[in-house]
Amino acid sequence: MACAARPGKLKSGDVPHLDALWKKLLEVLQGIDPPAVLFSGGVDSTLLLHATRTVHGNEALAVTALSPLMTSDERRDAVLLAQKELGVRQLCIETDECASPEFSINPRNRCAVCKRIRLTAVREALTEERVLIDGENADDIRDHRPGRAVADAFGVRHPLLEAGLTKSDIRNLARKNGLRVWNRPANSCLATRIPYGQTITPSKLSQIESCEAFFRKLTGINIVRVRHQGNRCRIEVPPDVLPYLDDPPLIKTIQAFFRTTGFQTIEIDPAGYRGTGGR
């Protein structure tokens, strides 16, 4: 039972709208030379990288922070997407946010601290002057995003936002352009599973990653969050698939694996996953 973000079927009237947005995005990118795409492998940055490649050809550059806050699958796929599928030159930077006490204490401005660490590493690693661009879009401005001010301070441009693209527009354009990630569920970094004020450590991140990967493989439910609460954890899935988990043998299997990672009490959140916005 897979869960993925699926916009409705494109109607004939949607095509001119999407074509106009695509043209506008390319025009925005033509005015940014030379750009470096802050690339994570999500839908937003993948469409942006594809558009940048369309405009700037071999001059396009993807910059990816390979961070322990990403899953190992996300790190591998970001490289595969950029280099093999989109054919773009990529600069990969190993970051270790947990090594910074300012980040690991898990303050409420955690995202801003992380953004500053990563953008500093990117600027230090770039050997040529480039304009940094990211995948922020028109829907993101409605969300609480502490890292936005930091990105602006580093001079990061937001072409998808400048072109007026919403998340639905981005998914539909990604599908129209044949990008396989068009319906990939939005996923936040692993640190978001740990409540503010509780220390972020590599072992906790690894524990969360292992549990979520096991859960996805066992159930086929791709949208899942394992909330870390010390020796307890809370599993969140979309409300519409909660009935699927009303299966005692399945829950027993899940609990048994989670306990091997260190959790003692494992609970299913009866309210389900309510979402925290895309990346």
C-alpha atoms as a PDB file:
ATOM      1  CA  MET A   1       0.000   0.000   0.000  1.00  0.00           C
ATOM      2  CA  ALA A   2       1.998   2.952  -1.271  1.00  0.00           C
ATOM      3  CA  CYS A   3       1.149   6.534  -0.429  1.00  0.00           C
ATOM      4  CA  ALA A   4       2.320   9.234  -2.787  1.00  0.00           C
ATOM      5  CA  ALA A   5       1.369  12.766  -3.684  1.00  0.00           C
ATOM      6  CA  ARG A   6      -0.747  12.561  -6.816  1.00  0.00           C
ATOM      7  CA  PRO A   7      -2.206  15.675  -8.425  1.00  0.00           C
ATOM      8  CA  GLY A   8      -5.371  15.040 -10.391  1.00  0.00           C
ATOM      9  CA  LYS A   9      -5.235  14.144 -14.054  1.00  0.00           C
ATOM     10  CA  LEU A  10      -4.191  17.061 -16.220  1.00  0.00           C
ATOM     11  CA  LYS A  11      -7.085  18.722 -18.003  1.00  0.00           C
ATOM     12  CA  SER A  12      -6.722  20.283 -21.444  1.00  0.00           C
ATOM     13  CA  GLY A  13      -7.152  23.723 -19.897  1.00  0.00           C
ATOM     14  CA  ASP A  14      -4.205  23.108 -17.538  1.00  0.00           C
ATOM     15  CA  VAL A  15      -1.677  22.765 -20.345  1.00  0.00           C
ATOM     16  CA  PRO A  16      -1.580  26.427 -21.465  1.00  0.00           C
ATOM     17  CA  HIS A  17      -1.322  27.474 -17.801  1.00  0.00           C
ATOM     18  CA  LEU A  18       1.606  25.123 -17.226  1.00  0.00           C
ATOM     19  CA  ASP A  19       3.279  26.142 -20.472  1.00  0.00           C
ATOM     20  CA  ALA A  20       3.073  29.789 -19.420  1.00  0.00           C
ATOM     21  CA  LEU A  21       4.574  29.013 -16.010  1.00  0.00           C
ATOM     22  CA  TRP A  22       7.376  26.987 -17.587  1.00  0.00           C
ATOM     23  CA  LYS A  23       8.174  29.848 -19.955  1.00  0.00           C
ATOM     24  CA  LYS A  24       8.212  32.285 -17.042  1.00  0.00           C
ATOM     25  CA  LEU A  25      10.542  30.026 -15.032  1.00  0.00           C
ATOM     26  CA  LEU A  26      12.973  29.779 -17.942  1.00  0.00           C
ATOM     27  CA  GLU A  27      12.905  33.566 -18.316  1.00  0.00           C
ATOM     28  CA  VAL A  28      13.746  33.984 -14.629  1.00  0.00           C
ATOM     29  CA  LEU A  29      16.649  31.541 -14.968  1.00  0.00           C
ATOM     30  CA  GLN A  30      17.954  33.330 -18.058  1.00  0.00           C
ATOM     31  CA  GLY A  31      18.521  36.337 -15.816  1.00  0.00           C
ATOM     32  CA  ILE A  32      20.626  34.360 -13.328  1.00  0.00           C
ATOM     33  CA  ASP A  33      24.088  33.647 -14.658  1.00  0.00           C
ATOM     34  CA  PRO A  34      25.803  31.539 -13.607  1.00  0.00           C
ATOM     35  CA  PRO A  35      23.564  29.699 -11.118  1.00  0.00           C
ATOM     36  CA  ALA A  36      24.260  26.904  -8.640  1.00  0.00           C
ATOM     37  CA  VAL A  37      21.194  24.886  -7.689  1.00  0.00           C
ATOM     38  CA  LEU A  38      20.923  23.884  -4.037  1.00  0.00           C
ATOM     39  CA  PHE A  39      19.831  20.352  -4.856  1.00  0.00           C
ATOM     40  CA  SER A  40      18.320  17.826  -2.431  1.00  0.00           C
ATOM     41  CA  GLY A  41      16.625  15.446  -4.854  1.00  0.00           C
ATOM     42  CA  GLY A  42      13.100  16.473  -3.864  1.00  0.00           C
ATOM     43  CA  VAL A  43      10.473  17.416  -6.437  1.00  0.00           C
ATOM     44  CA  ASP A  44      11.057  21.172  -6.168  1.00  0.00           C
ATOM     45  CA  SER A  45      14.822  21.166  -6.575  1.00  0.00           C
ATOM     46  CA  THR A  46      14.661  18.463  -9.259  1.00  0.00           C
ATOM     47  CA  LEU A  47      12.351  20.535 -11.443  1.00  0.00           C
ATOM     48  CA  LEU A  48      14.545  23.576 -10.799  1.00  0.00           C
ATOM     49  CA  LEU A  49      17.686  21.681 -11.780  1.00  0.00           C
ATOM     50  CA  HIS A  50      16.031  20.358 -14.934  1.00  0.00           C
ATOM     51  CA  ALA A  51      14.961  23.895 -15.890  1.00  0.00           C
ATOM     52  CA  THR A  52      18.439  25.239 -15.137  1.00  0.00           C
ATOM     53  CA  ARG A  53      19.953  22.547 -17.357  1.00  0.00           C
ATOM     54  CA  THR A  54      17.485  23.542 -20.092  1.00  0.00           C
ATOM     55  CA  VAL A  55      18.591  27.184 -19.937  1.00  0.00           C
ATOM     56  CA  HIS A  56      22.283  26.950 -19.088  1.00  0.00           C
ATOM     57  CA  GLY A  57      23.248  23.564 -20.545  1.00  0.00           C
ATOM     58  CA  ASN A  58      26.625  22.314 -19.387  1.00  0.00           C
ATOM     59  CA  GLU A  59      27.110  25.436 -17.280  1.00  0.00           C
ATOM     60  CA  ALA A  60      24.426  24.184 -14.860  1.00  0.00           C
ATOM     61  CA  LEU A  61      25.737  23.090 -11.470  1.00  0.00           C
ATOM     62  CA  ALA A  62      24.026  21.166  -8.678  1.00  0.00           C
ATOM     63  CA  VAL A  63      25.316  21.615  -5.136  1.00  0.00           C
ATOM     64  CA  THR A  64      24.253  18.959  -2.659  1.00  0.00           C
ATOM     65  CA  ALA A  65      24.914  18.802   1.066  1.00  0.00           C
ATOM     66  CA  LEU A  66      25.291  15.115   1.931  1.00  0.00           C
ATOM     67  CA  SER A  67      24.132  15.334   5.508  1.00  0.00           C
ATOM     68  CA  PRO A  68      23.329  12.812   8.251  1.00  0.00           C
ATOM     69  CA  LEU A  69      19.983  14.609   8.461  1.00  0.00           C
ATOM     70  CA  MET A  70      19.122  12.916   5.145  1.00  0.00           C
ATOM     71  CA  THR A  71      18.486   9.196   4.834  1.00  0.00           C
ATOM     72  CA  SER A  72      21.082   7.103   3.031  1.00  0.00           C
ATOM     73  CA  ASP A  73      18.540   6.500   0.244  1.00  0.00           C
ATOM     74  CA  GLU A  74      18.029  10.251  -0.158  1.00  0.00           C
ATOM     75  CA  ARG A  75      21.771  10.851  -0.376  1.00  0.00           C
ATOM     76  CA  ARG A  76      22.257   8.152  -3.013  1.00  0.00           C
ATOM     77  CA  ASP A  77      19.251   9.259  -5.035  1.00  0.00           C
ATOM     78  CA  ALA A  78      20.320  12.912  -5.057  1.00  0.00           C
ATOM     79  CA  VAL A  79      23.557  11.869  -6.759  1.00  0.00           C
ATOM     80  CA  LEU A  80      21.799   9.496  -9.166  1.00  0.00           C
ATOM     81  CA  LEU A  81      19.231  12.129 -10.174  1.00  0.00           C
ATOM     82  CA  ALA A  82      21.699  14.929 -10.777  1.00  0.00           C
ATOM     83  CA  GLN A  83      24.534  13.079 -12.458  1.00  0.00           C
ATOM     84  CA  LYS A  84      22.986  10.094 -14.214  1.00  0.00           C
ATOM     85  CA  GLU A  85      19.415  11.140 -15.001  1.00  0.00           C
ATOM     86  CA  LEU A  86      19.699  14.891 -15.507  1.00  0.00           C
ATOM     87  CA  GLY A  87      23.328  14.858 -16.664  1.00  0.00           C
ATOM     88  CA  VAL A  88      24.356  17.835 -14.550  1.00  0.00           C
ATOM     89  CA  ARG A  89      27.721  18.501 -12.973  1.00  0.00           C
ATOM     90  CA  GLN A  90      27.393  18.134  -9.210  1.00  0.00           C
ATOM     91  CA  LEU A  91      29.384  19.368  -6.247  1.00  0.00           C
ATOM     92  CA  CYS A  92      28.762  17.172  -3.193  1.00  0.00           C
ATOM     93  CA  ILE A  93      29.661  18.511   0.235  1.00  0.00           C
ATOM     94  CA  GLU A  94      29.793  16.389   3.371  1.00  0.00           C
ATOM     95  CA  THR A  95      28.227  18.292   6.254  1.00  0.00           C
ATOM     96  CA  ASP A  96      27.973  17.333   9.927  1.00  0.00           C
ATOM     97  CA  GLU A  97      25.409  19.575  11.571  1.00  0.00           C
ATOM     98  CA  CYS A  98      25.424  17.480  14.766  1.00  0.00           C
ATOM     99  CA  ALA A  99      29.035  18.509  15.369  1.00  0.00           C
ATOM    100  CA  SER A 100      27.815  22.046  16.032  1.00  0.00           C
ATOM    101  CA  PRO A 101      26.614  22.502  19.636  1.00  0.00           C
ATOM    102  CA  GLU A 102      24.418  25.355  18.424  1.00  0.00           C
ATOM    103  CA  PHE A 103      22.513  22.849  16.297  1.00  0.00           C
ATOM    104  CA  SER A 104      22.695  19.700  18.410  1.00  0.00           C
ATOM    105  CA  ILE A 105      20.984  21.345  21.409  1.00  0.00           C
ATOM    106  CA  ASN A 106      17.948  21.472  19.114  1.00  0.00           C
ATOM    107  CA  PRO A 107      16.729  25.054  19.558  1.00  0.00           C
ATOM    108  CA  ARG A 108      13.482  26.325  18.065  1.00  0.00           C
ATOM    109  CA  ASN A 109      15.512  28.080  15.360  1.00  0.00           C
ATOM    110  CA  ARG A 110      17.150  24.748  14.467  1.00  0.00           C
ATOM    111  CA  CYS A 111      16.329  25.140  10.761  1.00  0.00           C
ATOM    112  CA  ALA A 112      17.981  28.553  10.607  1.00  0.00           C
ATOM    113  CA  VAL A 113      21.128  27.212  12.303  1.00  0.00           C
ATOM    114  CA  CYS A 114      21.238  24.271   9.892  1.00  0.00           C
ATOM    115  CA  LYS A 115      20.749  26.536   6.895  1.00  0.00           C
ATOM    116  CA  ARG A 116      23.611  28.777   8.002  1.00  0.00           C
ATOM    117  CA  ILE A 117      25.935  25.786   8.495  1.00  0.00           C
ATOM    118  CA  ARG A 118      25.145  24.395   5.063  1.00  0.00           C
ATOM    119  CA  LEU A 119      25.311  27.662   3.143  1.00  0.00           C
ATOM    120  CA  THR A 120      28.606  28.525   4.795  1.00  0.00           C
ATOM    121  CA  ALA A 121      29.974  25.134   3.705  1.00  0.00           C
ATOM    122  CA  VAL A 122      28.654  25.685   0.178  1.00  0.00           C
ATOM    123  CA  ARG A 123      30.240  29.119  -0.146  1.00  0.00           C
ATOM    124  CA  GLU A 124      33.570  27.753   1.128  1.00  0.00           C
ATOM    125  CA  ALA A 125      33.470  24.808  -1.290  1.00  0.00           C
ATOM    126  CA  LEU A 126      32.579  26.748  -4.441  1.00  0.00           C
ATOM    127  CA  THR A 127      35.668  27.635  -6.439  1.00  0.00           C
ATOM    128  CA  GLU A 128      33.810  30.014  -8.757  1.00  0.00           C
ATOM    129  CA  GLU A 129      31.400  32.866  -8.220  1.00  0.00           C
ATOM    130  CA  ARG A 130      27.822  31.643  -8.672  1.00  0.00           C
ATOM    131  CA  VAL A 131      24.352  32.767  -7.680  1.00  0.00           C
ATOM    132  CA  LEU A 132      22.799  30.227  -5.318  1.00  0.00           C
ATOM    133  CA  ILE A 133      19.214  29.243  -6.165  1.00  0.00           C
ATOM    134  CA  ASP A 134      16.824  26.976  -4.276  1.00  0.00           C
ATOM    135  CA  GLY A 135      13.444  25.289  -4.660  1.00  0.00           C
ATOM    136  CA  GLU A 136      11.312  27.557  -2.492  1.00  0.00           C
ATOM    137  CA  ASN A 137       7.925  28.081  -4.106  1.00  0.00           C
ATOM    138  CA  ALA A 138       4.757  30.152  -3.787  1.00  0.00           C
ATOM    139  CA  ASP A 139       3.181  27.755  -1.263  1.00  0.00           C
ATOM    140  CA  ASP A 140       6.233  27.859   1.001  1.00  0.00           C
ATOM    141  CA  ILE A 141       5.741  31.508   1.907  1.00  0.00           C
ATOM    142  CA  ARG A 142       2.628  30.447   3.850  1.00  0.00           C
ATOM    143  CA  ASP A 143       4.681  28.062   6.029  1.00  0.00           C
ATOM    144  CA  HIS A 144       6.859  28.817   9.031  1.00  0.00           C
ATOM    145  CA  ARG A 145      10.373  28.516   7.610  1.00  0.00           C
ATOM    146  CA  PRO A 146      13.066  29.917   9.917  1.00  0.00           C
ATOM    147  CA  GLY A 147      15.767  29.235   7.348  1.00  0.00           C
ATOM    148  CA  ARG A 148      14.316  31.665   4.803  1.00  0.00           C
ATOM    149  CA  ALA A 149      15.886  34.767   6.360  1.00  0.00           C
ATOM    150  CA  VAL A 150      19.266  33.026   6.466  1.00  0.00           C
ATOM    151  CA  ALA A 151      18.988  32.069   2.795  1.00  0.00           C
ATOM    152  CA  ASP A 152      18.112  35.643   1.908  1.00  0.00           C
ATOM    153  CA  ALA A 153      21.127  36.889   3.869  1.00  0.00           C
ATOM    154  CA  PHE A 154      23.338  34.620   1.739  1.00  0.00           C
ATOM    155  CA  GLY A 155      21.802  36.064  -1.408  1.00  0.00           C
ATOM    156  CA  VAL A 156      19.926  32.898  -2.378  1.00  0.00           C
ATOM    157  CA  ARG A 157      17.398  33.397  -5.191  1.00  0.00           C
ATOM    158  CA  HIS A 158      14.090  31.515  -5.414  1.00  0.00           C
ATOM    159  CA  PRO A 159      13.228  31.104  -9.133  1.00  0.00           C
ATOM    160  CA  LEU A 160      10.161  28.900  -8.577  1.00  0.00           C
ATOM    161  CA  LEU A 161       8.721  31.515  -6.251  1.00  0.00           C
ATOM    162  CA  GLU A 162       9.677  34.351  -8.595  1.00  0.00           C
ATOM    163  CA  ALA A 163       7.860  32.571 -11.426  1.00  0.00           C
ATOM    164  CA  GLY A 164       4.780  32.086  -9.250  1.00  0.00           C
ATOM    165  CA  LEU A 165       4.823  28.287  -9.144  1.00  0.00           C
ATOM    166  CA  THR A 166       2.814  26.469  -6.462  1.00  0.00           C
ATOM    167  CA  LYS A 167       3.556  22.954  -5.259  1.00  0.00           C
ATOM    168  CA  SER A 168       0.815  21.572  -7.496  1.00  0.00           C
ATOM    169  CA  ASP A 169       2.261  23.442 -10.476  1.00  0.00           C
ATOM    170  CA  ILE A 170       5.690  22.009  -9.726  1.00  0.00           C
ATOM    171  CA  ARG A 171       4.420  18.443  -9.533  1.00  0.00           C
ATOM    172  CA  ASN A 172       2.450  18.807 -12.745  1.00  0.00           C
ATOM    173  CA  LEU A 173       5.395  20.372 -14.564  1.00  0.00           C
ATOM    174  CA  ALA A 174       7.699  17.644 -13.256  1.00  0.00           C
ATOM    175  CA  ARG A 175       5.285  15.026 -14.583  1.00  0.00           C
ATOM    176  CA  LYS A 176       4.953  16.870 -17.916  1.00  0.00           C
ATOM    177  CA  ASN A 177       8.761  16.933 -18.210  1.00  0.00           C
ATOM    178  CA  GLY A 178       9.073  13.210 -17.472  1.00  0.00           C
ATOM    179  CA  LEU A 179      10.788  13.561 -14.083  1.00  0.00           C
ATOM    180  CA  ARG A 180      10.233  10.362 -12.102  1.00  0.00           C
ATOM    181  CA  VAL A 181      10.085  12.190  -8.771  1.00  0.00           C
ATOM    182  CA  TRP A 182       6.949  14.149  -9.726  1.00  0.00           C
ATOM    183  CA  ASN A 183       4.792  12.301  -7.180  1.00  0.00           C
ATOM    184  CA  ARG A 184       7.434  11.742  -4.498  1.00  0.00           C
ATOM    185  CA  PRO A 185       5.966  12.509  -1.049  1.00  0.00           C
ATOM    186  CA  ALA A 186       7.360  15.581   0.670  1.00  0.00           C
ATOM    187  CA  ASN A 187       9.817  14.631   3.397  1.00  0.00           C
ATOM    188  CA  SER A 188      11.396  16.732   6.101  1.00  0.00           C
ATOM    189  CA  CYS A 189      14.842  16.111   7.534  1.00  0.00           C
ATOM    190  CA  LEU A 190      15.314  13.449  10.225  1.00  0.00           C
ATOM    191  CA  ALA A 191      15.947  16.068  12.906  1.00  0.00           C
ATOM    192  CA  THR A 192      12.293  17.135  12.720  1.00  0.00           C
ATOM    193  CA  ARG A 193      11.358  13.845  14.407  1.00  0.00           C
ATOM    194  CA  ILE A 194      13.087  14.982  17.614  1.00  0.00           C
ATOM    195  CA  PRO A 195      11.228  17.501  19.817  1.00  0.00           C
ATOM    196  CA  TYR A 196      12.828  20.911  20.352  1.00  0.00           C
ATOM    197  CA  GLY A 197      15.122  20.925  23.375  1.00  0.00           C
ATOM    198  CA  GLN A 198      16.057  17.249  23.108  1.00  0.00           C
ATOM    199  CA  THR A 199      19.627  16.720  21.916  1.00  0.00           C
ATOM    200  CA  ILE A 200      20.098  15.684  18.301  1.00  0.00           C
ATOM    201  CA  THR A 201      22.697  12.925  17.980  1.00  0.00           C
ATOM    202  CA  PRO A 202      23.860  10.722  15.091  1.00  0.00           C
ATOM    203  CA  SER A 203      22.623   7.641  16.959  1.00  0.00           C
ATOM    204  CA  LYS A 204      19.082   9.052  17.273  1.00  0.00           C
ATOM    205  CA  LEU A 205      19.039   9.977  13.592  1.00  0.00           C
ATOM    206  CA  SER A 206      20.206   6.485  12.646  1.00  0.00           C
ATOM    207  CA  GLN A 207      17.594   4.919  14.923  1.00  0.00           C
ATOM    208  CA  ILE A 208      14.806   6.954  13.295  1.00  0.00           C
ATOM    209  CA  GLU A 209      16.046   6.201   9.785  1.00  0.00           C
ATOM    210  CA  SER A 210      16.216   2.447  10.447  1.00  0.00           C
ATOM    211  CA  CYS A 211      12.720   2.330  11.922  1.00  0.00           C
ATOM    212  CA  GLU A 212      11.114   4.365   9.146  1.00  0.00           C
ATOM    213  CA  ALA A 213      12.847   2.297   6.450  1.00  0.00           C
ATOM    214  CA  PHE A 214      11.673  -0.957   8.064  1.00  0.00           C
ATOM    215  CA  PHE A 215       8.121   0.364   8.412  1.00  0.00           C
ATOM    216  CA  ARG A 216       7.948   1.453   4.756  1.00  0.00           C
ATOM    217  CA  LYS A 217       9.281  -1.857   3.489  1.00  0.00           C
ATOM    218  CA  LEU A 218       6.954  -3.916   5.691  1.00  0.00           C
ATOM    219  CA  THR A 219       3.741  -1.954   5.126  1.00  0.00           C
ATOM    220  CA  GLY A 220       4.200  -0.218   1.769  1.00  0.00           C
ATOM    221  CA  ILE A 221       3.155   3.043   3.451  1.00  0.00           C
ATOM    222  CA  ASN A 222       5.671   5.620   2.237  1.00  0.00           C
ATOM    223  CA  ILE A 223       4.499   8.572   4.308  1.00  0.00           C
ATOM    224  CA  VAL A 224       5.571   7.862   7.886  1.00  0.00           C
ATOM    225  CA  ARG A 225       7.165   9.796  10.731  1.00  0.00           C
ATOM    226  CA  VAL A 226       8.729   8.116  13.757  1.00  0.00           C
ATOM    227  CA  ARG A 227       8.692  10.722  16.517  1.00  0.00           C
ATOM    228  CA  HIS A 228      11.582  10.171  18.930  1.00  0.00           C
ATOM    229  CA  GLN A 229      10.685  10.584  22.606  1.00  0.00           C
ATOM    230  CA  GLY A 230      13.596   9.017  24.453  1.00  0.00           C
ATOM    231  CA  ASN A 231      12.890   5.322  24.915  1.00  0.00           C
ATOM    232  CA  ARG A 232       9.413   5.864  23.475  1.00  0.00           C
ATOM    233  CA  CYS A 233       8.362   6.621  19.930  1.00  0.00           C
ATOM    234  CA  ARG A 234       5.160   7.602  18.197  1.00  0.00           C
ATOM    235  CA  ILE A 235       4.429   6.479  14.647  1.00  0.00           C
ATOM    236  CA  GLU A 236       2.465   8.863  12.445  1.00  0.00           C
ATOM    237  CA  VAL A 237       0.890   7.851   9.128  1.00  0.00           C
ATOM    238  CA  PRO A 238      -1.805   9.552   7.016  1.00  0.00           C
ATOM    239  CA  PRO A 239      -5.263   9.164   8.621  1.00  0.00           C
ATOM    240  CA  ASP A 240      -6.667   7.325   5.607  1.00  0.00           C
ATOM    241  CA  VAL A 241      -4.282   4.388   6.085  1.00  0.00           C
ATOM    242  CA  LEU A 242      -4.690   4.061   9.851  1.00  0.00           C
ATOM    243  CA  PRO A 243      -7.250   1.226   9.457  1.00  0.00           C
ATOM    244  CA  TYR A 244      -4.562  -0.802   7.686  1.00  0.00           C
ATOM    245  CA  LEU A 245      -2.583  -0.826  10.938  1.00  0.00           C
ATOM    246  CA  ASP A 246      -5.486  -2.342  12.879  1.00  0.00           C
ATOM    247  CA  ASP A 247      -3.684  -5.656  12.580  1.00  0.00           C
ATOM    248  CA  PRO A 248      -2.210  -7.121  15.810  1.00  0.00           C
ATOM    249  CA  PRO A 249       0.328  -9.449  14.107  1.00  0.00           C
ATOM    250  CA  LEU A 250       1.561  -6.549  11.949  1.00  0.00           C
ATOM    251  CA  ILE A 251       1.907  -4.270  14.977  1.00  0.00           C
ATOM    252  CA  LYS A 252       3.732  -7.005  16.852  1.00  0.00           C
ATOM    253  CA  THR A 253       6.262  -7.298  14.020  1.00  0.00           C
ATOM    254  CA  ILE A 254       6.759  -3.528  13.958  1.00  0.00           C
ATOM    255  CA  GLN A 255       7.222  -3.337  17.717  1.00  0.00           C
ATOM    256  CA  ALA A 256       9.693  -6.217  17.728  1.00  0.00           C
ATOM    257  CA  PHE A 257      11.966  -4.508  15.203  1.00  0.00           C
ATOM    258  CA  PHE A 258      11.692  -1.085  16.811  1.00  0.00           C
ATOM    259  CA  ARG A 259      12.753  -2.591  20.142  1.00  0.00           C
ATOM    260  CA  THR A 260      15.939  -3.928  18.552  1.00  0.00           C
ATOM    261  CA  THR A 261      16.903  -0.312  17.812  1.00  0.00           C
ATOM    262  CA  GLY A 262      16.413   0.818  21.417  1.00  0.00           C
ATOM    263  CA  PHE A 263      12.797   1.900  21.665  1.00  0.00           C
ATOM    264  CA  GLN A 264      10.872   0.302  24.519  1.00  0.00           C
ATOM    265  CA  THR A 265       7.392   1.732  23.991  1.00  0.00           C
ATOM    266  CA  ILE A 266       5.998   2.046  20.468  1.00  0.00           C
ATOM    267  CA  GLU A 267       2.662   3.749  19.807  1.00  0.00           C
ATOM    268  CA  ILE A 268       0.571   4.513  16.718  1.00  0.00           C
ATOM    269  CA  ASP A 269      -0.712   8.093  16.788  1.00  0.00           C
ATOM    270  CA  PRO A 270      -4.513   7.750  16.469  1.00  0.00           C
ATOM    271  CA  ALA A 271      -4.785  11.243  14.954  1.00  0.00           C
ATOM    272  CA  GLY A 272      -2.439  10.359  12.092  1.00  0.00           C
ATOM    273  CA  TYR A 273       0.169  12.436  10.294  1.00  0.00           C
ATOM    274  CA  ARG A 274      -0.986  15.959   9.615  1.00  0.00           C
ATOM    275  CA  GLY A 275       1.953  17.208   7.608  1.00  0.00           C
ATOM    276  CA  THR A 276       4.502  19.945   8.178  1.00  0.00           C
ATOM    277  CA  GLY A 277       4.936  21.332   4.664  1.00  0.00           C
ATOM    278  CA  GLY A 278       7.237  20.240   1.797  1.00  0.00           C
ATOM    279  CA  ARG A 279      11.217  20.769   1.037  1.00  0.00           C
END
